[in-house]
PDB file of N, CA and C in Angstrom:
ATOM      1  N   MET A   1       5.244  14.331  27.598  1.00  0.00           N
ATOM      2  CA  MET A   1       5.463  13.788  26.349  1.00  0.00           C
ATOM      3  C   MET A   1       3.888  13.128  26.117  1.00  0.00           C
ATOM      4  N   SER A   2       3.429  13.390  24.621  1.00  0.00           N
ATOM      5  CA  SER A   2       2.160  12.877  24.196  1.00  0.00           C
ATOM      6  C   SER A   2       2.486  11.804  23.076  1.00  0.00           C
ATOM      7  N   ASP A   3       1.426  10.873  22.834  1.00  0.00           N
ATOM      8  CA  ASP A   3       1.184  10.096  21.733  1.00  0.00           C
ATOM      9  C   ASP A   3       1.383  11.014  20.849  1.00  0.00           C
ATOM     10  N   LEU A   4       1.834  10.348  19.793  1.00  0.00           N
ATOM     11  CA  LEU A   4       2.074  10.723  18.473  1.00  0.00           C
ATOM     12  C   LEU A   4       1.299  10.020  17.134  1.00  0.00           C
ATOM     13  N   ILE A   5       0.575  10.538  16.222  1.00  0.00           N
ATOM     14  CA  ILE A   5      -0.311   9.942  15.680  1.00  0.00           C
ATOM     15  C   ILE A   5       0.019  10.171  14.115  1.00  0.00           C
ATOM     16  N   LEU A   6       0.585   8.968  13.528  1.00  0.00           N
ATOM     17  CA  LEU A   6       0.492   9.386  12.105  1.00  0.00           C
ATOM     18  C   LEU A   6      -0.248   9.178  11.213  1.00  0.00           C
ATOM     19  N   CYS A   7      -0.713   9.563  10.107  1.00  0.00           N
ATOM     20  CA  CYS A   7      -2.065   9.427   9.053  1.00  0.00           C
ATOM     21  C   CYS A   7      -1.639   9.936   7.795  1.00  0.00           C
ATOM     22  N   VAL A   8      -1.280   9.141   6.793  1.00  0.00           N
ATOM     23  CA  VAL A   8      -1.195   8.801   5.547  1.00  0.00           C
ATOM     24  C   VAL A   8      -2.715   8.731   4.717  1.00  0.00           C
ATOM     25  N   PHE A   9      -2.609   9.975   4.073  1.00  0.00           N
ATOM     26  CA  PHE A   9      -3.871   9.909   2.936  1.00  0.00           C
ATOM     27  C   PHE A   9      -3.300  10.065   1.573  1.00  0.00           C
ATOM     28  N   ASP A  10      -3.969   9.468   0.919  1.00  0.00           N
ATOM     29  CA  ASP A  10      -3.874   9.509  -0.810  1.00  0.00           C
ATOM     30  C   ASP A  10      -5.208  10.091  -1.415  1.00  0.00           C
ATOM     31  N   GLN A  11      -5.332  10.374  -2.380  1.00  0.00           N
ATOM     32  CA  GLN A  11      -6.543  11.156  -3.130  1.00  0.00           C
ATOM     33  C   GLN A  11      -7.852  10.116  -2.664  1.00  0.00           C
ATOM     34  N   THR A  12      -7.632   9.151  -2.188  1.00  0.00           N
ATOM     35  CA  THR A  12      -9.139   8.188  -1.943  1.00  0.00           C
ATOM     36  C   THR A  12      -9.543   8.599  -0.685  1.00  0.00           C
ATOM     37  N   GLY A  13      -8.640   8.990   0.173  1.00  0.00           N
ATOM     38  CA  GLY A  13      -8.898   9.177   1.841  1.00  0.00           C
ATOM     39  C   GLY A  13      -7.588   8.326   2.710  1.00  0.00           C
ATOM     40  N   LEU A  14      -7.948   8.352   4.139  1.00  0.00           N
ATOM     41  CA  LEU A  14      -7.155   7.631   4.944  1.00  0.00           C
ATOM     42  C   LEU A  14      -6.878   6.335   4.368  1.00  0.00           C
ATOM     43  N   LYS A  15      -5.454   6.309   4.403  1.00  0.00           N
ATOM     44  CA  LYS A  15      -4.740   4.988   4.302  1.00  0.00           C
ATOM     45  C   LYS A  15      -4.310   4.275   5.178  1.00  0.00           C
ATOM     46  N   LEU A  16      -3.277   5.034   6.187  1.00  0.00           N
ATOM     47  CA  LEU A  16      -2.623   4.526   7.684  1.00  0.00           C
ATOM     48  C   LEU A  16      -2.903   5.565   8.543  1.00  0.00           C
ATOM     49  N   SER A  17      -3.034   5.071   9.702  1.00  0.00           N
ATOM     50  CA  SER A  17      -3.101   5.802  10.852  1.00  0.00           C
ATOM     51  C   SER A  17      -2.461   4.742  11.673  1.00  0.00           C
ATOM     52  N   ALA A  18      -1.011   5.191  12.500  1.00  0.00           N
ATOM     53  CA  ALA A  18      -0.671   4.554  13.460  1.00  0.00           C
ATOM     54  C   ALA A  18      -0.196   5.271  14.437  1.00  0.00           C
ATOM     55  N   ILE A  19      -0.334   4.668  15.748  1.00  0.00           N
ATOM     56  CA  ILE A  19       0.189   5.591  17.222  1.00  0.00           C
ATOM     57  C   ILE A  19       1.533   5.003  17.674  1.00  0.00           C
ATOM     58  N   ALA A  20       2.610   6.433  18.087  1.00  0.00           N
ATOM     59  CA  ALA A  20       3.261   6.048  18.864  1.00  0.00           C
ATOM     60  C   ALA A  20       3.214   6.485  20.442  1.00  0.00           C
ATOM     61  N   PRO A  21       2.976   5.358  21.076  1.00  0.00           N
ATOM     62  CA  PRO A  21       2.364   5.915  22.320  1.00  0.00           C
ATOM     63  C   PRO A  21       3.688   6.503  23.402  1.00  0.00           C
ATOM     64  N   ALA A  22       3.230   7.475  23.997  1.00  0.00           N
ATOM     65  CA  ALA A  22       4.302   8.384  24.813  1.00  0.00           C
ATOM     66  C   ALA A  22       4.422   7.163  25.926  1.00  0.00           C
ATOM     67  N   ALA A  23       3.692   6.486  26.620  1.00  0.00           N
ATOM     68  CA  ALA A  23       3.942   5.614  27.681  1.00  0.00           C
ATOM     69  C   ALA A  23       4.764   4.222  27.156  1.00  0.00           C
ATOM     70  N   GLY A  24       5.180   4.089  26.030  1.00  0.00           N
ATOM     71  CA  GLY A  24       5.732   3.345  25.465  1.00  0.00           C
ATOM     72  C   GLY A  24       6.761   3.026  25.845  1.00  0.00           C
ATOM     73  N   THR A  25       6.798   1.279  26.147  1.00  0.00           N
ATOM     74  CA  THR A  25       8.516   0.931  26.341  1.00  0.00           C
ATOM     75  C   THR A  25       9.076  -0.231  25.700  1.00  0.00           C
ATOM     76  N   CYS A  26      10.391   0.155  25.390  1.00  0.00           N
ATOM     77  CA  CYS A  26      11.360  -1.174  24.687  1.00  0.00           C
ATOM     78  C   CYS A  26      12.154  -2.219  25.144  1.00  0.00           C
ATOM     79  N   ARG A  27      11.975  -2.886  25.929  1.00  0.00           N
ATOM     80  CA  ARG A  27      13.135  -3.973  26.578  1.00  0.00           C
ATOM     81  C   ARG A  27      13.380  -2.926  27.957  1.00  0.00           C
ATOM     82  N   GLY A  28      12.427  -2.314  28.334  1.00  0.00           N
ATOM     83  CA  GLY A  28      12.325  -1.777  30.054  1.00  0.00           C
ATOM     84  C   GLY A  28      12.851  -0.189  29.691  1.00  0.00           C
ATOM     85  N   SER A  29      13.118   0.706  28.808  1.00  0.00           N
ATOM     86  CA  SER A  29      13.557   1.501  28.442  1.00  0.00           C
ATOM     87  C   SER A  29      12.169   2.296  27.724  1.00  0.00           C
ATOM     88  N   PRO A  30      12.246   3.655  28.018  1.00  0.00           N
ATOM     89  CA  PRO A  30      11.181   4.595  27.206  1.00  0.00           C
ATOM     90  C   PRO A  30      11.264   4.128  25.824  1.00  0.00           C
ATOM     91  N   ALA A  31      10.248   4.427  25.066  1.00  0.00           N
ATOM     92  CA  ALA A  31      10.313   4.203  23.530  1.00  0.00           C
ATOM     93  C   ALA A  31      10.555   5.309  22.745  1.00  0.00           C
ATOM     94  N   GLY A  32      10.037   6.362  23.324  1.00  0.00           N
ATOM     95  CA  GLY A  32      10.084   7.830  22.863  1.00  0.00           C
ATOM     96  C   GLY A  32      11.180   8.924  23.642  1.00  0.00           C
ATOM     97  N   ARG A  33      12.324   9.428  22.846  1.00  0.00           N
ATOM     98  CA  ARG A  33      13.027  10.429  23.411  1.00  0.00           C
ATOM     99  C   ARG A  33      12.828  11.608  22.650  1.00  0.00           C
ATOM    100  N   PRO A  34      12.378  12.489  22.946  1.00  0.00           N
ATOM    101  CA  PRO A  34      12.237  14.217  22.552  1.00  0.00           C
ATOM    102  C   PRO A  34      13.449  14.552  22.769  1.00  0.00           C
ATOM    103  N   GLY A  35      14.009  15.073  21.378  1.00  0.00           N
ATOM    104  CA  GLY A  35      15.483  15.813  21.842  1.00  0.00           C
ATOM    105  C   GLY A  35      15.084  17.336  21.380  1.00  0.00           C
ATOM    106  N   ARG A  36      16.244  18.401  21.388  1.00  0.00           N
ATOM    107  CA  ARG A  36      15.784  19.728  20.950  1.00  0.00           C
ATOM    108  C   ARG A  36      15.230  19.864  19.689  1.00  0.00           C
ATOM    109  N   ARG A  37      15.709  19.236  18.708  1.00  0.00           N
ATOM    110  CA  ARG A  37      15.316  19.531  17.123  1.00  0.00           C
ATOM    111  C   ARG A  37      14.786  17.990  16.460  1.00  0.00           C
ATOM    112  N   ARG A  38      14.622  17.282  17.244  1.00  0.00           N
ATOM    113  CA  ARG A  38      14.436  15.694  16.803  1.00  0.00           C
ATOM    114  C   ARG A  38      13.531  14.708  17.978  1.00  0.00           C
ATOM    115  N   PHE A  39      12.390  14.110  17.185  1.00  0.00           N
ATOM    116  CA  PHE A  39      12.275  13.219  18.306  1.00  0.00           C
ATOM    117  C   PHE A  39      12.361  11.424  17.471  1.00  0.00           C
ATOM    118  N   LYS A  40      12.770  10.988  18.673  1.00  0.00           N
ATOM    119  CA  LYS A  40      12.815   9.467  17.829  1.00  0.00           C
ATOM    120  C   LYS A  40      12.131   8.250  18.969  1.00  0.00           C
ATOM    121  N   TYR A  41      11.310   7.342  18.194  1.00  0.00           N
ATOM    122  CA  TYR A  41      10.789   6.750  18.823  1.00  0.00           C
ATOM    123  C   TYR A  41      10.949   5.035  18.359  1.00  0.00           C
ATOM    124  N   ASN A  42      11.923   4.222  19.221  1.00  0.00           N
ATOM    125  CA  ASN A  42      11.940   2.968  18.790  1.00  0.00           C
ATOM    126  C   ASN A  42      11.468   1.744  19.462  1.00  0.00           C
ATOM    127  N   ASP A  43      10.776   0.822  19.066  1.00  0.00           N
ATOM    128  CA  ASP A  43       9.746   0.151  19.626  1.00  0.00           C
ATOM    129  C   ASP A  43      10.315  -1.420  18.831  1.00  0.00           C
ATOM    130  N   HIS A  44      11.531  -2.191  19.238  1.00  0.00           N
ATOM    131  CA  HIS A  44      11.854  -3.589  18.825  1.00  0.00           C
ATOM    132  C   HIS A  44      10.868  -4.813  18.604  1.00  0.00           C
ATOM    133  N   ASP A  45       9.746  -4.490  19.364  1.00  0.00           N
ATOM    134  CA  ASP A  45       8.322  -5.389  19.485  1.00  0.00           C
ATOM    135  C   ASP A  45       7.760  -5.274  18.718  1.00  0.00           C
ATOM    136  N   ALA A  46       7.347  -3.856  18.188  1.00  0.00           N
ATOM    137  CA  ALA A  46       6.591  -3.388  17.099  1.00  0.00           C
ATOM    138  C   ALA A  46       4.966  -3.437  17.532  1.00  0.00           C
ATOM    139  N   THR A  47       4.802  -2.817  18.805  1.00  0.00           N
ATOM    140  CA  THR A  47       3.374  -2.408  19.145  1.00  0.00           C
ATOM    141  C   THR A  47       3.513  -1.571  19.814  1.00  0.00           C
ATOM    142  N   PRO A  48       1.991  -0.968  20.071  1.00  0.00           N
ATOM    143  CA  PRO A  48       0.759  -1.622  19.872  1.00  0.00           C
ATOM    144  C   PRO A  48       0.160  -1.511  18.206  1.00  0.00           C
ATOM    145  N   ASP A  49       0.949  -0.715  17.322  1.00  0.00           N
ATOM    146  CA  ASP A  49      -0.031  -0.264  16.145  1.00  0.00           C
ATOM    147  C   ASP A  49       1.421  -0.971  14.780  1.00  0.00           C
ATOM    148  N   GLY A  50       2.342  -1.463  15.650  1.00  0.00           N
ATOM    149  CA  GLY A  50       3.658  -1.760  14.280  1.00  0.00           C
ATOM    150  C   GLY A  50       4.847  -1.291  14.365  1.00  0.00           C
ATOM    151  N   ILE A  51       4.564  -0.197  14.796  1.00  0.00           N
ATOM    152  CA  ILE A  51       5.584   0.907  14.338  1.00  0.00           C
ATOM    153  C   ILE A  51       7.135   0.326  15.310  1.00  0.00           C
ATOM    154  N   LEU A  52       8.075   0.089  14.438  1.00  0.00           N
ATOM    155  CA  LEU A  52       9.050  -0.218  14.876  1.00  0.00           C
ATOM    156  C   LEU A  52      10.060   1.175  15.289  1.00  0.00           C
ATOM    157  N   LYS A  53      10.146   2.171  14.083  1.00  0.00           N
ATOM    158  CA  LYS A  53      10.962   3.545  14.546  1.00  0.00           C
ATOM    159  C   LYS A  53      10.098   4.624  13.976  1.00  0.00           C
ATOM    160  N   LEU A  54      10.226   5.094  14.681  1.00  0.00           N
ATOM    161  CA  LEU A  54       9.543   6.761  14.039  1.00  0.00           C
ATOM    162  C   LEU A  54      10.592   8.045  14.187  1.00  0.00           C
ATOM    163  N   THR A  55      10.783   8.399  13.354  1.00  0.00           N
ATOM    164  CA  THR A  55      11.939   9.690  13.853  1.00  0.00           C
ATOM    165  C   THR A  55      11.461  10.875  12.825  1.00  0.00           C
ATOM    166  N   ALA A  56      11.354  12.309  13.561  1.00  0.00           N
ATOM    167  CA  ALA A  56      11.019  13.315  13.296  1.00  0.00           C
ATOM    168  C   ALA A  56      11.608  14.240  13.554  1.00  0.00           C
ATOM    169  N   SER A  57      12.246  15.153  12.527  1.00  0.00           N
ATOM    170  CA  SER A  57      13.397  15.995  12.578  1.00  0.00           C
ATOM    171  C   SER A  57      13.007  17.739  12.197  1.00  0.00           C
ATOM    172  N   ALA A  58      12.889  18.501  12.953  1.00  0.00           N
ATOM    173  CA  ALA A  58      13.057  19.826  12.658  1.00  0.00           C
ATOM    174  C   ALA A  58      13.663  20.624  11.644  1.00  0.00           C
ATOM    175  N   GLY A  59      13.254  21.703  10.968  1.00  0.00           N
ATOM    176  CA  GLY A  59      13.844  21.922   9.856  1.00  0.00           C
ATOM    177  C   GLY A  59      13.197  23.053   9.233  1.00  0.00           C
ATOM    178  N   GLN A  60      13.909  23.879   8.478  1.00  0.00           N
ATOM    179  CA  GLN A  60      13.328  24.898   7.564  1.00  0.00           C
ATOM    180  C   GLN A  60      12.589  24.113   6.611  1.00  0.00           C
ATOM    181  N   PRO A  61      11.525  25.137   6.071  1.00  0.00           N
ATOM    182  CA  PRO A  61      10.619  24.398   5.244  1.00  0.00           C
ATOM    183  C   PRO A  61      11.202  23.772   3.678  1.00  0.00           C
ATOM    184  N   GLY A  62      11.015  22.410   3.699  1.00  0.00           N
ATOM    185  CA  GLY A  62      11.367  21.777   2.690  1.00  0.00           C
ATOM    186  C   GLY A  62      12.749  20.667   3.882  1.00  0.00           C
ATOM    187  N   GLN A  63      12.852  20.899   4.694  1.00  0.00           N
ATOM    188  CA  GLN A  63      14.399  20.425   5.138  1.00  0.00           C
ATOM    189  C   GLN A  63      13.909  19.392   6.595  1.00  0.00           C
ATOM    190  N   ALA A  64      12.287  19.742   6.711  1.00  0.00           N
ATOM    191  CA  ALA A  64      12.482  18.484   8.203  1.00  0.00           C
ATOM    192  C   ALA A  64      12.166  17.223   7.337  1.00  0.00           C
ATOM    193  N   ARG A  65      12.335  16.243   8.378  1.00  0.00           N
ATOM    194  CA  ARG A  65      12.266  15.015   7.857  1.00  0.00           C
ATOM    195  C   ARG A  65      11.128  14.231   8.644  1.00  0.00           C
ATOM    196  N   ILE A  66      10.068  12.872   8.446  1.00  0.00           N
ATOM    197  CA  ILE A  66       9.649  12.031   9.007  1.00  0.00           C
ATOM    198  C   ILE A  66       9.899  11.176   8.387  1.00  0.00           C
ATOM    199  N   SER A  67      10.324   9.896   9.245  1.00  0.00           N
ATOM    200  CA  SER A  67      10.442   8.632   8.588  1.00  0.00           C
ATOM    201  C   SER A  67       9.853   7.799   9.522  1.00  0.00           C
ATOM    202  N   LEU A  68       9.183   6.353   9.067  1.00  0.00           N
ATOM    203  CA  LEU A  68       8.613   5.475   9.490  1.00  0.00           C
ATOM    204  C   LEU A  68       8.895   4.479   9.277  1.00  0.00           C
ATOM    205  N   ARG A  69       9.189   3.007  10.191  1.00  0.00           N
ATOM    206  CA  ARG A  69       9.638   1.806  10.033  1.00  0.00           C
ATOM    207  C   ARG A  69       8.355   1.007  10.444  1.00  0.00           C
ATOM    208  N   GLY A  70       7.620  -0.032  10.107  1.00  0.00           N
ATOM    209  CA  GLY A  70       7.025  -0.778  10.721  1.00  0.00           C
ATOM    210  C   GLY A  70       7.220  -2.154  10.165  1.00  0.00           C
ATOM    211  N   LYS A  71       6.378  -3.100  10.955  1.00  0.00           N
ATOM    212  CA  LYS A  71       5.872  -4.167  10.283  1.00  0.00           C
ATOM    213  C   LYS A  71       4.972  -5.263  11.344  1.00  0.00           C
ATOM    214  N   GLY A  72       4.621  -6.166  10.928  1.00  0.00           N
ATOM    215  CA  GLY A  72       3.824  -7.340  11.647  1.00  0.00           C
ATOM    216  C   GLY A  72       2.087  -6.946  11.122  1.00  0.00           C
ATOM    217  N   ALA A  73       1.321  -7.719  11.972  1.00  0.00           N
ATOM    218  CA  ALA A  73      -0.078  -7.908  11.447  1.00  0.00           C
ATOM    219  C   ALA A  73      -0.853  -6.530  12.444  1.00  0.00           C
ATOM    220  N   ASN A  74      -0.080  -5.938  13.374  1.00  0.00           N
ATOM    221  CA  ASN A  74      -0.377  -4.456  14.177  1.00  0.00           C
ATOM    222  C   ASN A  74      -0.574  -3.833  13.304  1.00  0.00           C
ATOM    223  N   LEU A  75       0.280  -3.374  12.027  1.00  0.00           N
ATOM    224  CA  LEU A  75       0.459  -2.619  11.321  1.00  0.00           C
ATOM    225  C   LEU A  75      -0.482  -2.401   9.993  1.00  0.00           C
ATOM    226  N   ALA A  76      -1.519  -1.494  10.140  1.00  0.00           N
ATOM    227  CA  ALA A  76      -2.506  -2.013   9.299  1.00  0.00           C
ATOM    228  C   ALA A  76      -2.445  -1.098   7.926  1.00  0.00           C
ATOM    229  N   MET A  77      -1.310  -1.560   7.127  1.00  0.00           N
ATOM    230  CA  MET A  77      -0.930  -0.956   5.816  1.00  0.00           C
ATOM    231  C   MET A  77      -1.837  -1.208   4.803  1.00  0.00           C
ATOM    232  N   PRO A  78      -1.838  -0.415   4.144  1.00  0.00           N
ATOM    233  CA  PRO A  78      -2.845  -0.194   2.795  1.00  0.00           C
ATOM    234  C   PRO A  78      -1.965  -1.057   1.379  1.00  0.00           C
ATOM    235  N   ALA A  79      -2.912  -1.076   0.692  1.00  0.00           N
ATOM    236  CA  ALA A  79      -2.178  -1.688  -0.615  1.00  0.00           C
ATOM    237  C   ALA A  79      -1.473  -0.950  -1.259  1.00  0.00           C
ATOM    238  N   LEU A  80      -0.234  -0.710  -1.419  1.00  0.00           N
ATOM    239  CA  LEU A  80       0.511   0.238  -2.011  1.00  0.00           C
ATOM    240  C   LEU A  80       0.549  -0.066  -3.508  1.00  0.00           C
ATOM    241  N   GLY A  81       0.754   1.056  -4.395  1.00  0.00           N
ATOM    242  CA  GLY A  81       0.802   2.257  -4.829  1.00  0.00           C
ATOM    243  C   GLY A  81      -0.341   2.997  -4.090  1.00  0.00           C
ATOM    244  N   LEU A  82       0.074   4.160  -3.848  1.00  0.00           N
ATOM    245  CA  LEU A  82      -0.582   5.144  -3.308  1.00  0.00           C
ATOM    246  C   LEU A  82      -1.306   6.206  -4.719  1.00  0.00           C
ATOM    247  N   ALA A  83      -2.586   6.748  -4.583  1.00  0.00           N
ATOM    248  CA  ALA A  83      -3.253   7.173  -5.638  1.00  0.00           C
ATOM    249  C   ALA A  83      -2.989   8.641  -5.695  1.00  0.00           C
ATOM    250  N   GLY A  84      -2.272   9.487  -6.375  1.00  0.00           N
ATOM    251  CA  GLY A  84      -2.403  10.788  -6.505  1.00  0.00           C
ATOM    252  C   GLY A  84      -1.573  11.529  -5.217  1.00  0.00           C
ATOM    253  N   GLN A  85      -1.992  12.860  -5.181  1.00  0.00           N
ATOM    254  CA  GLN A  85      -1.146  13.215  -3.718  1.00  0.00           C
ATOM    255  C   GLN A  85      -1.228  12.550  -2.916  1.00  0.00           C
ATOM    256  N   VAL A  86      -0.266  12.608  -2.098  1.00  0.00           N
ATOM    257  CA  VAL A  86      -0.290  12.163  -0.729  1.00  0.00           C
ATOM    258  C   VAL A  86       0.442  12.957   0.330  1.00  0.00           C
ATOM    259  N   THR A  87      -0.516  12.812   1.455  1.00  0.00           N
ATOM    260  CA  THR A  87      -0.939  13.801   2.620  1.00  0.00           C
ATOM    261  C   THR A  87       0.035  12.803   3.723  1.00  0.00           C
ATOM    262  N   VAL A  88       1.041  13.166   4.686  1.00  0.00           N
ATOM    263  CA  VAL A  88       1.252  12.959   5.458  1.00  0.00           C
ATOM    264  C   VAL A  88       1.184  14.023   6.592  1.00  0.00           C
ATOM    265  N   ARG A  89       0.557  13.301   7.765  1.00  0.00           N
ATOM    266  CA  ARG A  89       0.399  14.109   9.029  1.00  0.00           C
ATOM    267  C   ARG A  89       0.944  13.518  10.039  1.00  0.00           C
ATOM    268  N   LEU A  90       1.737  14.371  11.104  1.00  0.00           N
ATOM    269  CA  LEU A  90       2.093  13.912  12.479  1.00  0.00           C
ATOM    270  C   LEU A  90       1.664  14.692  13.270  1.00  0.00           C
ATOM    271  N   LYS A  91       0.500  14.022  14.268  1.00  0.00           N
ATOM    272  CA  LYS A  91      -0.499  15.023  15.015  1.00  0.00           C
ATOM    273  C   LYS A  91       0.260  14.464  16.823  1.00  0.00           C
ATOM    274  N   ARG A  92       0.295  15.648  17.618  1.00  0.00           N
ATOM    275  CA  ARG A  92       0.006  15.095  19.253  1.00  0.00           C
ATOM    276  C   ARG A  92      -0.859  14.735  19.927  1.00  0.00           C
ATOM    277  N   ASP A  93      -1.354  14.122  20.483  1.00  0.00           N
ATOM    278  CA  ASP A  93      -2.918  13.775  20.817  1.00  0.00           C
ATOM    279  C   ASP A  93      -3.311  14.837  21.778  1.00  0.00           C
ATOM    280  N   VAL A  94      -2.446  15.478  22.071  1.00  0.00           N
ATOM    281  CA  VAL A  94      -3.154  16.439  22.629  1.00  0.00           C
ATOM    282  C   VAL A  94      -2.808  17.859  22.381  1.00  0.00           C
ATOM    283  N   GLY A  95      -3.695  18.694  22.169  1.00  0.00           N
ATOM    284  CA  GLY A  95      -3.872  19.773  21.857  1.00  0.00           C
ATOM    285  C   GLY A  95      -3.758  19.830  20.091  1.00  0.00           C
ATOM    286  N   PRO A  96      -3.748  21.272  19.171  1.00  0.00           N
ATOM    287  CA  PRO A  96      -4.067  21.351  17.955  1.00  0.00           C
ATOM    288  C   PRO A  96      -2.900  21.330  16.856  1.00  0.00           C
ATOM    289  N   VAL A  97      -1.756  21.107  17.895  1.00  0.00           N
ATOM    290  CA  VAL A  97      -0.542  21.090  16.982  1.00  0.00           C
ATOM    291  C   VAL A  97      -0.209  19.722  15.883  1.00  0.00           C
ATOM    292  N   CYS A  98       0.008  19.867  14.630  1.00  0.00           N
ATOM    293  CA  CYS A  98      -0.100  19.221  13.566  1.00  0.00           C
ATOM    294  C   CYS A  98       0.970  19.315  12.379  1.00  0.00           C
ATOM    295  N   TRP A  99       1.733  18.600  12.188  1.00  0.00           N
ATOM    296  CA  TRP A  99       2.906  18.737  11.488  1.00  0.00           C
ATOM    297  C   TRP A  99       2.394  18.152   9.936  1.00  0.00           C
ATOM    298  N   GLN A 100       2.426  18.708   8.792  1.00  0.00           N
ATOM    299  CA  GLN A 100       1.821  18.048   7.643  1.00  0.00           C
ATOM    300  C   GLN A 100       2.643  18.349   6.293  1.00  0.00           C
ATOM    301  N   SER A 101       2.809  17.283   5.490  1.00  0.00           N
ATOM    302  CA  SER A 101       3.618  17.556   4.036  1.00  0.00           C
ATOM    303  C   SER A 101       2.471  16.895   3.080  1.00  0.00           C
ATOM    304  N   ARG A 102       2.391  17.508   2.277  1.00  0.00           N
ATOM    305  CA  ARG A 102       1.862  17.189   1.236  1.00  0.00           C
ATOM    306  C   ARG A 102       2.817  16.879  -0.232  1.00  0.00           C
ATOM    307  N   PHE A 103       2.631  15.325  -0.925  1.00  0.00           N
ATOM    308  CA  PHE A 103       3.645  15.242  -1.807  1.00  0.00           C
ATOM    309  C   PHE A 103       2.667  14.642  -3.355  1.00  0.00           C
ATOM    310  N   PRO A 104       3.001  15.981  -4.096  1.00  0.00           N
ATOM    311  CA  PRO A 104       2.109  15.763  -5.256  1.00  0.00           C
ATOM    312  C   PRO A 104       2.815  14.591  -6.232  1.00  0.00           C
ATOM    313  N   THR A 105       3.886  14.209  -5.979  1.00  0.00           N
ATOM    314  CA  THR A 105       4.417  12.857  -6.860  1.00  0.00           C
ATOM    315  C   THR A 105       5.600  12.282  -5.999  1.00  0.00           C
ATOM    316  N   ALA A 106       5.593  11.013  -6.591  1.00  0.00           N
ATOM    317  CA  ALA A 106       6.425   9.966  -5.385  1.00  0.00           C
ATOM    318  C   ALA A 106       7.858   9.847  -6.491  1.00  0.00           C
ATOM    319  N   ASN A 107       8.855   9.684  -5.621  1.00  0.00           N
ATOM    320  CA  ASN A 107      10.268   8.893  -5.985  1.00  0.00           C
ATOM    321  C   ASN A 107       9.833   7.606  -5.960  1.00  0.00           C
ATOM    322  N   ARG A 108       9.062   7.077  -5.713  1.00  0.00           N
ATOM    323  CA  ARG A 108       9.283   5.619  -5.632  1.00  0.00           C
ATOM    324  C   ARG A 108       7.796   4.902  -4.916  1.00  0.00           C
ATOM    325  N   ASN A 109       6.792   4.402  -5.924  1.00  0.00           N
ATOM    326  CA  ASN A 109       5.217   4.145  -5.319  1.00  0.00           C
ATOM    327  C   ASN A 109       5.324   2.716  -6.112  1.00  0.00           C
ATOM    328  N   ASP A 110       5.397   1.806  -5.397  1.00  0.00           N
ATOM    329  CA  ASP A 110       5.012   0.517  -5.960  1.00  0.00           C
ATOM    330  C   ASP A 110       4.366  -0.424  -4.664  1.00  0.00           C
ATOM    331  N   ALA A 111       4.350  -1.573  -4.925  1.00  0.00           N
ATOM    332  CA  ALA A 111       3.626  -2.476  -3.770  1.00  0.00           C
ATOM    333  C   ALA A 111       4.538  -2.724  -2.652  1.00  0.00           C
ATOM    334  N   LYS A 112       6.102  -2.314  -2.780  1.00  0.00           N
ATOM    335  CA  LYS A 112       6.518  -2.616  -1.570  1.00  0.00           C
ATOM    336  C   LYS A 112       7.009  -1.182  -0.947  1.00  0.00           C
ATOM    337  N   GLN A 113       7.037  -0.102  -1.531  1.00  0.00           N
ATOM    338  CA  GLN A 113       7.894   0.989  -0.736  1.00  0.00           C
ATOM    339  C   GLN A 113       6.842   2.252  -1.707  1.00  0.00           C
ATOM    340  N   TYR A 114       6.576   3.515  -0.725  1.00  0.00           N
ATOM    341  CA  TYR A 114       5.859   4.600  -0.705  1.00  0.00           C
ATOM    342  C   TYR A 114       7.111   5.674  -0.550  1.00  0.00           C
ATOM    343  N   ARG A 115       7.747   6.589  -1.220  1.00  0.00           N
ATOM    344  CA  ARG A 115       8.846   7.323  -0.823  1.00  0.00           C
ATOM    345  C   ARG A 115       8.818   8.494  -2.061  1.00  0.00           C
ATOM    346  N   ALA A 116       8.641   9.216  -1.200  1.00  0.00           N
ATOM    347  CA  ALA A 116       8.506  11.008  -1.621  1.00  0.00           C
ATOM    348  C   ALA A 116       9.610  12.251  -0.818  1.00  0.00           C
ATOM    349  N   SER A 117       9.937  13.066  -1.782  1.00  0.00           N
ATOM    350  CA  SER A 117       9.949  14.412  -1.039  1.00  0.00           C
ATOM    351  C   SER A 117       9.789  15.571  -1.680  1.00  0.00           C
ATOM    352  N   ILE A 118       9.937  16.532  -0.828  1.00  0.00           N
ATOM    353  CA  ILE A 118       9.871  17.811  -1.607  1.00  0.00           C
ATOM    354  C   ILE A 118      11.095  18.471  -1.797  1.00  0.00           C
ATOM    355  N   ARG A 119      11.117  19.114  -3.052  1.00  0.00           N
ATOM    356  CA  ARG A 119      12.514  19.929  -3.387  1.00  0.00           C
ATOM    357  C   ARG A 119      12.299  21.457  -3.433  1.00  0.00           C
ATOM    358  N   HIS A 120      13.120  22.267  -2.710  1.00  0.00           N
ATOM    359  CA  HIS A 120      12.698  23.495  -2.448  1.00  0.00           C
ATOM    360  C   HIS A 120      14.041  24.101  -2.959  1.00  0.00           C
TER     361      HIS A 120
END
């Protein structure tokens, strides 16, 4: 397993970068759990980058999902609302594999939450 790096960009540039470490543990158990079609990362202590939960699920175009929850001083959150089109990338730290989605508009984009989806 390798570290997963989540990056969020808006039209002004990089807004967030956070790592879900492959070697991370949560209360004595591995934090990351790969599955056949899904990867889950849970860290109740939100370390080292403030990620509490990261879930990435495979799917056909428009059906794959990435969800992130984080908190605390270690999560370098940008000021929300994000400007213009938003790009979300999830990359393994080894190799060139990168998953990416672009969101031209948001369902919610305010000071508390950014939520977007692509409908096909």
